[in-house]
Amino acid sequence: MIHIKSFIGELKIDKFDQPDLEPIGETKKGPIYRAEHDIWSRFIGTWKVSRKKTATAYFELFIEKGALSDGVSSPGICRAFVTVDGPNRMGGQNHDASYRSKGFSKKIEYRTFLRCDLDYKVTLGRKACDQIYRDFAKAGGSIHYKLAYNMLRMFGWMHFGKKAPGF
């Protein structure tokens, strides 16, 4: 098993499908979305193995049709800058799957996994999950991905490994 605390630099996004999400309900924090089809994303990431050694691998992230997401949840004061939908959607869906499964280390109510071409089971630390949001939101065209990433770094610890608020 490989546990990646954080990636070095930006992820190289190879493929992503902007998820087709349908709002199915509302919470105090905003809408709840359901994935209308299976979602596959691919990226290349590099991480530190030891003080002087790095490794690079090709990753595939899978989220099953029907998976629930709260889009890009953020504190109310920040919603003027970071929308819950649009170009942030891909980052939000991948981030929700990685956070709810605690970096792909525990099972959740829908099938999701992360695999790499090194044939090891991969788990991620919170920072690596936040980097997935940052780089997929950027690839999706978000102009506020840095602000959202910084908010995740400050406040995300409260939700890592837990269901999203309002579920």
Protein backbone atom coordinates (compact mmCIF):
# COMPACT_ATOMS: atom_id res chain seq x y z
CA MET A 1 0.00 0.00 0.00
CA ILE A 2 1.14 3.54 -0.77
CA HIS A 3 0.00 6.49 1.35
CA ILE A 4 0.55 9.84 -0.34
CA LYS A 5 0.42 12.79 2.08
CA SER A 6 0.73 15.41 -0.64
CA PHE A 7 1.75 15.76 -4.26
CA ILE A 8 4.69 17.85 -5.45
CA GLY A 9 3.62 20.72 -7.72
CA GLU A 10 0.52 20.54 -9.86
CA LEU A 11 -1.15 17.36 -11.05
CA LYS A 12 -1.12 16.82 -14.80
CA ILE A 13 -4.77 16.30 -15.69
CA ASP A 14 -5.07 13.76 -18.48
CA LYS A 15 -8.85 13.31 -18.69
CA PHE A 16 -11.89 14.51 -16.89
CA ASP A 17 -15.60 14.46 -17.53
CA GLN A 18 -17.50 17.45 -16.26
CA PRO A 19 -20.07 15.53 -14.22
CA ASP A 20 -23.69 15.78 -15.20
CA LEU A 21 -25.17 16.54 -11.81
CA GLU A 22 -28.84 16.97 -11.05
CA PRO A 23 -29.90 18.82 -7.89
CA ILE A 24 -32.02 16.40 -5.87
CA GLY A 25 -32.55 18.41 -2.72
CA GLU A 26 -31.49 21.34 -0.62
CA THR A 27 -29.72 21.69 2.73
CA LYS A 28 -28.87 24.72 4.87
CA LYS A 29 -25.54 24.86 3.03
CA GLY A 30 -26.97 24.59 -0.49
CA PRO A 31 -28.04 21.99 -3.08
CA ILE A 32 -27.28 18.28 -3.02
CA TYR A 33 -26.34 16.72 -6.37
CA ARG A 34 -26.44 13.16 -7.71
CA ALA A 35 -24.06 11.96 -10.44
CA GLU A 36 -26.10 11.01 -13.50
CA HIS A 37 -23.39 8.67 -14.87
CA ASP A 38 -20.15 7.01 -13.79
CA ILE A 39 -17.31 9.54 -13.61
CA TRP A 40 -13.71 8.70 -14.58
CA SER A 41 -10.83 11.11 -14.12
CA ARG A 42 -7.16 10.56 -14.91
CA PHE A 43 -4.08 12.45 -13.77
CA ILE A 44 -0.34 12.14 -13.28
CA GLY A 45 1.07 12.98 -9.86
CA THR A 46 4.50 13.09 -8.26
CA TRP A 47 5.18 12.69 -4.53
CA LYS A 48 8.10 12.31 -2.14
CA VAL A 49 9.04 8.76 -1.24
CA SER A 50 12.01 9.72 0.91
CA ARG A 51 14.17 12.77 1.49
CA LYS A 52 15.93 12.44 -1.87
CA LYS A 53 13.60 10.23 -3.89
CA THR A 54 10.33 10.99 -5.68
CA ALA A 55 7.89 8.80 -7.55
CA THR A 56 5.49 9.57 -10.36
CA ALA A 57 2.41 7.56 -11.31
CA TYR A 58 -0.64 7.66 -13.53
CA PHE A 59 -3.86 7.64 -11.48
CA GLU A 60 -7.49 6.87 -12.28
CA LEU A 61 -10.24 8.10 -10.00
CA PHE A 62 -13.68 6.51 -10.32
CA ILE A 63 -17.02 7.70 -8.89
CA GLU A 64 -20.13 5.55 -9.35
CA LYS A 65 -23.36 6.81 -10.92
CA GLY A 66 -25.71 7.96 -8.17
CA ALA A 67 -22.96 9.32 -5.92
CA LEU A 68 -24.04 12.30 -3.84
CA SER A 69 -22.13 15.55 -3.62
CA ASP A 70 -22.75 18.98 -2.17
CA GLY A 71 -20.85 20.56 -5.06
CA VAL A 72 -18.27 22.97 -3.71
CA SER A 73 -19.32 23.61 -0.14
CA SER A 74 -17.79 26.72 1.35
CA PRO A 75 -18.46 29.13 4.20
CA GLY A 76 -21.25 31.58 3.32
CA ILE A 77 -18.93 34.59 3.26
CA CYS A 78 -16.82 32.96 0.53
CA ARG A 79 -19.70 32.04 -1.79
CA ALA A 80 -19.51 35.44 -3.44
CA PHE A 81 -16.16 34.32 -4.89
CA VAL A 82 -16.45 30.53 -5.16
CA THR A 83 -19.53 29.10 -6.85
CA VAL A 84 -20.81 25.64 -5.97
CA ASP A 85 -21.30 24.74 -9.60
CA GLY A 86 -19.94 25.54 -13.04
CA PRO A 87 -16.18 25.17 -13.54
CA ASN A 88 -15.69 24.09 -9.91
CA ARG A 89 -17.97 21.07 -10.35
CA MET A 90 -15.30 18.54 -11.35
CA GLY A 91 -13.03 19.54 -8.49
CA GLY A 92 -15.94 19.39 -6.05
CA GLN A 93 -17.14 15.92 -7.10
CA ASN A 94 -13.65 14.38 -6.97
CA HIS A 95 -12.91 16.14 -3.69
CA ASP A 96 -16.15 14.96 -2.06
CA ALA A 97 -15.36 11.35 -2.99
CA SER A 98 -11.82 11.60 -1.67
CA TYR A 99 -12.84 13.37 1.58
CA ARG A 100 -15.83 11.16 2.39
CA SER A 101 -13.73 8.03 1.89
CA LYS A 102 -10.91 9.55 4.01
CA GLY A 103 -8.45 9.52 1.14
CA PHE A 104 -9.86 6.23 -0.25
CA SER A 105 -9.01 4.42 3.00
CA LYS A 106 -12.58 3.53 4.02
CA LYS A 107 -15.70 2.31 2.23
CA ILE A 108 -18.64 4.64 1.77
CA GLU A 109 -22.20 4.13 0.51
CA TYR A 110 -21.29 4.33 -3.17
CA ARG A 111 -18.40 2.79 -5.10
CA THR A 112 -15.39 5.00 -5.54
CA PHE A 113 -11.73 4.19 -5.88
CA LEU A 114 -8.34 5.53 -6.80
CA ARG A 115 -5.85 3.29 -8.54
CA CYS A 116 -2.42 3.86 -9.97
CA ASP A 117 -0.25 2.15 -12.55
CA LEU A 118 2.17 0.92 -9.84
CA ASP A 119 -0.25 -1.89 -8.86
CA TYR A 120 -0.47 -0.78 -5.23
CA LYS A 121 -3.51 0.22 -3.24
CA VAL A 122 -3.31 3.99 -2.84
CA THR A 123 -4.59 6.14 0.01
CA LEU A 124 -4.28 9.89 0.24
CA GLY A 125 -3.71 12.40 3.00
CA ARG A 126 -5.96 15.43 3.35
CA LYS A 127 -3.55 17.76 1.56
CA ALA A 128 -3.38 15.44 -1.47
CA CYS A 129 -7.21 15.38 -1.59
CA ASP A 130 -7.24 19.19 -1.49
CA GLN A 131 -4.69 19.28 -4.32
CA ILE A 132 -7.04 17.10 -6.39
CA TYR A 133 -9.76 19.74 -5.93
CA ARG A 134 -7.38 22.59 -6.80
CA ASP A 135 -6.03 21.11 -10.01
CA PHE A 136 -9.32 19.70 -11.34
CA ALA A 137 -11.13 23.00 -10.63
CA LYS A 138 -8.34 24.82 -12.48
CA ALA A 139 -8.60 22.39 -15.41
CA GLY A 140 -12.37 22.95 -15.45
CA GLY A 141 -11.84 26.69 -15.92
CA SER A 142 -12.35 28.05 -12.39
CA ILE A 143 -10.71 31.43 -11.84
CA HIS A 144 -11.04 31.22 -8.03
CA TYR A 145 -9.48 27.79 -7.52
CA LYS A 146 -6.63 29.21 -5.40
CA LEU A 147 -9.03 30.91 -2.98
CA ALA A 148 -11.11 27.73 -2.66
CA TYR A 149 -7.95 25.64 -2.15
CA ASN A 150 -6.77 27.95 0.64
CA MET A 151 -10.19 27.67 2.33
CA LEU A 152 -9.95 23.88 2.13
CA ARG A 153 -6.53 23.95 3.73
CA MET A 154 -7.85 26.09 6.60
CA PHE A 155 -11.23 24.49 7.29
CA GLY A 156 -11.32 21.07 5.60
CA TRP A 157 -9.96 19.16 8.60
CA MET A 158 -13.47 19.34 10.14
CA HIS A 159 -14.93 17.20 7.34
CA PHE A 160 -12.16 14.77 6.35
CA GLY A 161 -13.52 11.21 6.57
CA LYS A 162 -17.07 12.34 7.41
CA LYS A 163 -20.29 12.71 5.48
CA ALA A 164 -20.83 16.12 3.97
CA PRO A 165 -22.89 18.52 6.14
CA GLY A 166 -26.61 18.10 5.54
CA PHE A 167 -26.46 14.47 4.26
